[in-house]
Amino acid sequence: MDRPLLSLRATLVLLLALLAGAAAGGLTALAGEGAPRSLLAGLAAAGLAVPFFNRLIDTEDSGRRQRADAGTREGERNG
């Protein structure tokens, strides 16, 4: 049980999504909406932020792999 529960990347993605959701919910509450609408806005923002930050904080290896795959596919079409 020496491994962490979440990886560093997963923790960062979830933390950023939580901050985005809290900011959206807080701004909605300050705009005069009620608590239920503020909560829904915060949850929606957090839900959309997870895939956004997950893609934004991409590992270097997968970025290289995608570029290499794209080059191979492109060459196959031309040849």
N, C-alpha and C. Protein backbone atom coordinates (compact mmCIF):
# COMPACT_ATOMS: atom_id res chain seq x y z
N MET A 1 0.81 -1.20 0.00
CA MET A 1 0.00 0.00 0.00
C MET A 1 0.85 1.27 0.00
N ASP A 2 1.99 1.20 -0.66
CA ASP A 2 2.84 2.38 -0.74
C ASP A 2 2.49 3.27 -1.93
N ARG A 3 1.67 2.76 -2.86
CA ARG A 3 1.30 3.58 -4.02
C ARG A 3 0.26 4.62 -3.61
N PRO A 4 0.29 5.77 -4.27
CA PRO A 4 -0.74 6.77 -3.99
C PRO A 4 -2.09 6.35 -4.58
N LEU A 5 -3.15 6.86 -4.02
CA LEU A 5 -4.49 6.53 -4.49
C LEU A 5 -4.73 7.05 -5.90
N LEU A 6 -4.28 8.27 -6.18
CA LEU A 6 -4.42 8.87 -7.51
C LEU A 6 -3.05 9.29 -8.01
N SER A 7 -2.88 9.28 -9.32
CA SER A 7 -1.63 9.77 -9.88
C SER A 7 -1.59 11.29 -9.75
N LEU A 8 -0.42 11.85 -9.95
CA LEU A 8 -0.26 13.29 -9.86
C LEU A 8 -1.10 14.00 -10.91
N ARG A 9 -1.13 13.43 -12.11
CA ARG A 9 -1.90 14.04 -13.20
C ARG A 9 -3.40 14.03 -12.88
N ALA A 10 -3.91 12.90 -12.39
CA ALA A 10 -5.33 12.80 -12.06
C ALA A 10 -5.69 13.76 -10.94
N THR A 11 -4.81 13.89 -9.96
CA THR A 11 -5.06 14.81 -8.86
C THR A 11 -5.12 16.24 -9.35
N LEU A 12 -4.19 16.60 -10.24
CA LEU A 12 -4.17 17.97 -10.77
C LEU A 12 -5.40 18.25 -11.61
N VAL A 13 -5.81 17.30 -12.44
CA VAL A 13 -7.00 17.49 -13.27
C VAL A 13 -8.23 17.68 -12.39
N LEU A 14 -8.39 16.85 -11.38
CA LEU A 14 -9.56 16.96 -10.50
C LEU A 14 -9.52 18.25 -9.68
N LEU A 15 -8.35 18.65 -9.24
CA LEU A 15 -8.24 19.90 -8.48
C LEU A 15 -8.61 21.10 -9.35
N LEU A 16 -8.10 21.15 -10.57
CA LEU A 16 -8.43 22.26 -11.47
C LEU A 16 -9.92 22.27 -11.82
N ALA A 17 -10.51 21.09 -12.01
CA ALA A 17 -11.94 21.01 -12.28
C ALA A 17 -12.75 21.49 -11.08
N LEU A 18 -12.32 21.13 -9.89
CA LEU A 18 -12.99 21.59 -8.67
C LEU A 18 -12.91 23.11 -8.54
N LEU A 19 -11.75 23.67 -8.83
CA LEU A 19 -11.61 25.13 -8.77
C LEU A 19 -12.47 25.83 -9.82
N ALA A 20 -12.54 25.27 -11.02
CA ALA A 20 -13.38 25.85 -12.06
C ALA A 20 -14.85 25.78 -11.68
N GLY A 21 -15.27 24.66 -11.12
CA GLY A 21 -16.66 24.53 -10.69
C GLY A 21 -17.01 25.47 -9.55
N ALA A 22 -16.08 25.62 -8.60
CA ALA A 22 -16.33 26.53 -7.49
C ALA A 22 -16.39 27.97 -7.97
N ALA A 23 -15.55 28.32 -8.91
CA ALA A 23 -15.57 29.69 -9.45
C ALA A 23 -16.88 29.95 -10.20
N ALA A 24 -17.31 28.99 -11.01
CA ALA A 24 -18.56 29.17 -11.75
C ALA A 24 -19.76 29.24 -10.81
N GLY A 25 -19.77 28.38 -9.81
CA GLY A 25 -20.87 28.42 -8.84
C GLY A 25 -20.87 29.70 -8.03
N GLY A 26 -19.70 30.15 -7.63
CA GLY A 26 -19.61 31.40 -6.87
C GLY A 26 -20.03 32.61 -7.68
N LEU A 27 -19.59 32.66 -8.93
CA LEU A 27 -19.99 33.78 -9.79
C LEU A 27 -21.48 33.76 -10.09
N THR A 28 -22.04 32.57 -10.23
CA THR A 28 -23.48 32.47 -10.45
C THR A 28 -24.25 32.94 -9.22
N ALA A 29 -23.76 32.60 -8.05
CA ALA A 29 -24.41 33.05 -6.82
C ALA A 29 -24.30 34.57 -6.68
N LEU A 30 -23.15 35.12 -7.03
CA LEU A 30 -22.98 36.57 -6.95
C LEU A 30 -23.85 37.31 -7.97
N ALA A 31 -24.21 36.63 -9.05
CA ALA A 31 -25.05 37.24 -10.06
C ALA A 31 -26.52 37.32 -9.62
N GLY A 32 -26.83 36.70 -8.49
CA GLY A 32 -28.18 36.81 -7.96
C GLY A 32 -29.03 35.58 -8.15
N GLU A 33 -28.48 34.53 -8.71
CA GLU A 33 -29.24 33.29 -8.87
C GLU A 33 -29.33 32.60 -7.51
N GLY A 34 -30.25 31.69 -7.39
CA GLY A 34 -30.43 30.96 -6.14
C GLY A 34 -29.36 29.90 -5.96
N ALA A 35 -29.37 29.30 -4.78
CA ALA A 35 -28.39 28.26 -4.46
C ALA A 35 -28.51 27.03 -5.37
N PRO A 36 -29.72 26.56 -5.70
CA PRO A 36 -29.78 25.38 -6.59
C PRO A 36 -29.19 25.63 -7.98
N ARG A 37 -29.48 26.80 -8.53
CA ARG A 37 -28.92 27.11 -9.86
C ARG A 37 -27.41 27.31 -9.80
N SER A 38 -26.93 27.89 -8.71
CA SER A 38 -25.49 28.07 -8.55
C SER A 38 -24.80 26.71 -8.44
N LEU A 39 -25.40 25.80 -7.70
CA LEU A 39 -24.84 24.47 -7.55
C LEU A 39 -24.82 23.74 -8.90
N LEU A 40 -25.91 23.83 -9.65
CA LEU A 40 -25.97 23.18 -10.96
C LEU A 40 -24.95 23.77 -11.92
N ALA A 41 -24.77 25.09 -11.88
CA ALA A 41 -23.77 25.72 -12.75
C ALA A 41 -22.37 25.27 -12.37
N GLY A 42 -22.09 25.17 -11.08
CA GLY A 42 -20.78 24.72 -10.63
C GLY A 42 -20.51 23.27 -11.01
N LEU A 43 -21.52 22.42 -10.85
CA LEU A 43 -21.35 21.01 -11.22
C LEU A 43 -21.17 20.84 -12.72
N ALA A 44 -21.91 21.61 -13.49
CA ALA A 44 -21.77 21.53 -14.95
C ALA A 44 -20.39 22.01 -15.39
N ALA A 45 -19.92 23.09 -14.79
CA ALA A 45 -18.59 23.59 -15.15
C ALA A 45 -17.50 22.60 -14.75
N ALA A 46 -17.64 21.99 -13.60
CA ALA A 46 -16.65 20.99 -13.17
C ALA A 46 -16.68 19.77 -14.08
N GLY A 47 -17.86 19.34 -14.48
CA GLY A 47 -17.98 18.20 -15.37
C GLY A 47 -17.36 18.45 -16.74
N LEU A 48 -17.51 19.66 -17.24
CA LEU A 48 -16.90 20.00 -18.53
C LEU A 48 -15.41 20.27 -18.41
N ALA A 49 -14.97 20.68 -17.23
CA ALA A 49 -13.56 21.00 -17.04
C ALA A 49 -12.68 19.76 -16.96
N VAL A 50 -13.23 18.63 -16.52
CA VAL A 50 -12.41 17.42 -16.38
C VAL A 50 -11.83 16.98 -17.73
N PRO A 51 -12.64 16.78 -18.78
CA PRO A 51 -12.02 16.39 -20.06
C PRO A 51 -11.14 17.49 -20.65
N PHE A 52 -11.50 18.75 -20.41
CA PHE A 52 -10.68 19.86 -20.91
C PHE A 52 -9.29 19.83 -20.31
N PHE A 53 -9.21 19.76 -18.99
CA PHE A 53 -7.90 19.75 -18.34
C PHE A 53 -7.17 18.44 -18.58
N ASN A 54 -7.90 17.35 -18.73
CA ASN A 54 -7.27 16.07 -19.03
C ASN A 54 -6.54 16.13 -20.37
N ARG A 55 -7.16 16.75 -21.35
CA ARG A 55 -6.54 16.88 -22.66
C ARG A 55 -5.44 17.94 -22.64
N LEU A 56 -5.65 18.99 -21.86
CA LEU A 56 -4.67 20.07 -21.78
C LEU A 56 -3.38 19.58 -21.13
N ILE A 57 -3.50 18.77 -20.09
CA ILE A 57 -2.34 18.25 -19.38
C ILE A 57 -2.06 16.86 -19.94
N ASP A 58 -1.71 16.80 -21.19
CA ASP A 58 -1.43 15.54 -21.86
C ASP A 58 0.01 15.15 -21.59
N THR A 59 0.27 13.88 -21.51
CA THR A 59 1.63 13.43 -21.29
C THR A 59 2.43 13.62 -22.57
N GLU A 60 3.71 13.83 -22.43
CA GLU A 60 4.57 14.03 -23.59
C GLU A 60 4.58 12.82 -24.49
N ASP A 61 4.61 11.64 -23.92
CA ASP A 61 4.71 10.42 -24.70
C ASP A 61 3.51 10.24 -25.62
N SER A 62 2.31 10.51 -25.13
CA SER A 62 1.13 10.31 -25.97
C SER A 62 1.08 11.35 -27.08
N GLY A 63 1.58 12.54 -26.83
CA GLY A 63 1.64 13.55 -27.89
C GLY A 63 2.58 13.14 -29.00
N ARG A 64 3.72 12.58 -28.65
CA ARG A 64 4.66 12.10 -29.66
C ARG A 64 4.07 10.92 -30.42
N ARG A 65 3.39 10.04 -29.71
CA ARG A 65 2.80 8.87 -30.34
C ARG A 65 1.73 9.28 -31.35
N GLN A 66 0.91 10.28 -31.01
CA GLN A 66 -0.13 10.72 -31.93
C GLN A 66 0.48 11.35 -33.18
N ARG A 67 1.54 12.14 -33.01
CA ARG A 67 2.19 12.75 -34.17
C ARG A 67 2.83 11.69 -35.06
N ALA A 68 3.42 10.68 -34.44
CA ALA A 68 4.05 9.61 -35.21
C ALA A 68 2.99 8.82 -35.97
N ASP A 69 1.86 8.53 -35.34
CA ASP A 69 0.78 7.82 -36.01
C ASP A 69 0.22 8.63 -37.17
N ALA A 70 0.09 9.92 -36.99
CA ALA A 70 -0.44 10.78 -38.04
C ALA A 70 0.50 10.78 -39.24
N GLY A 71 1.80 10.82 -38.99
CA GLY A 71 2.77 10.80 -40.08
C GLY A 71 2.75 9.49 -40.83
N THR A 72 2.57 8.39 -40.14
CA THR A 72 2.52 7.08 -40.78
C THR A 72 1.28 6.96 -41.64
N ARG A 73 0.16 7.39 -41.13
CA ARG A 73 -1.08 7.30 -41.90
C ARG A 73 -1.01 8.18 -43.14
N GLU A 74 -0.42 9.35 -42.99
CA GLU A 74 -0.31 10.26 -44.11
C GLU A 74 0.56 9.67 -45.20
N GLY A 75 1.66 9.04 -44.82
CA GLY A 75 2.55 8.43 -45.79
C GLY A 75 1.90 7.26 -46.51
N GLU A 76 1.07 6.52 -45.80
CA GLU A 76 0.40 5.37 -46.43
C GLU A 76 -0.57 5.82 -47.49
N ARG A 77 -1.22 6.94 -47.29
CA ARG A 77 -2.17 7.44 -48.28
C ARG A 77 -1.46 7.92 -49.53
N ASN A 78 -0.29 8.51 -49.36
CA ASN A 78 0.44 9.03 -50.51
C ASN A 78 1.15 7.94 -51.31
N GLY A 79 1.49 6.84 -50.67
CA GLY A 79 2.32 5.84 -51.32
C GLY A 79 1.60 4.70 -51.79
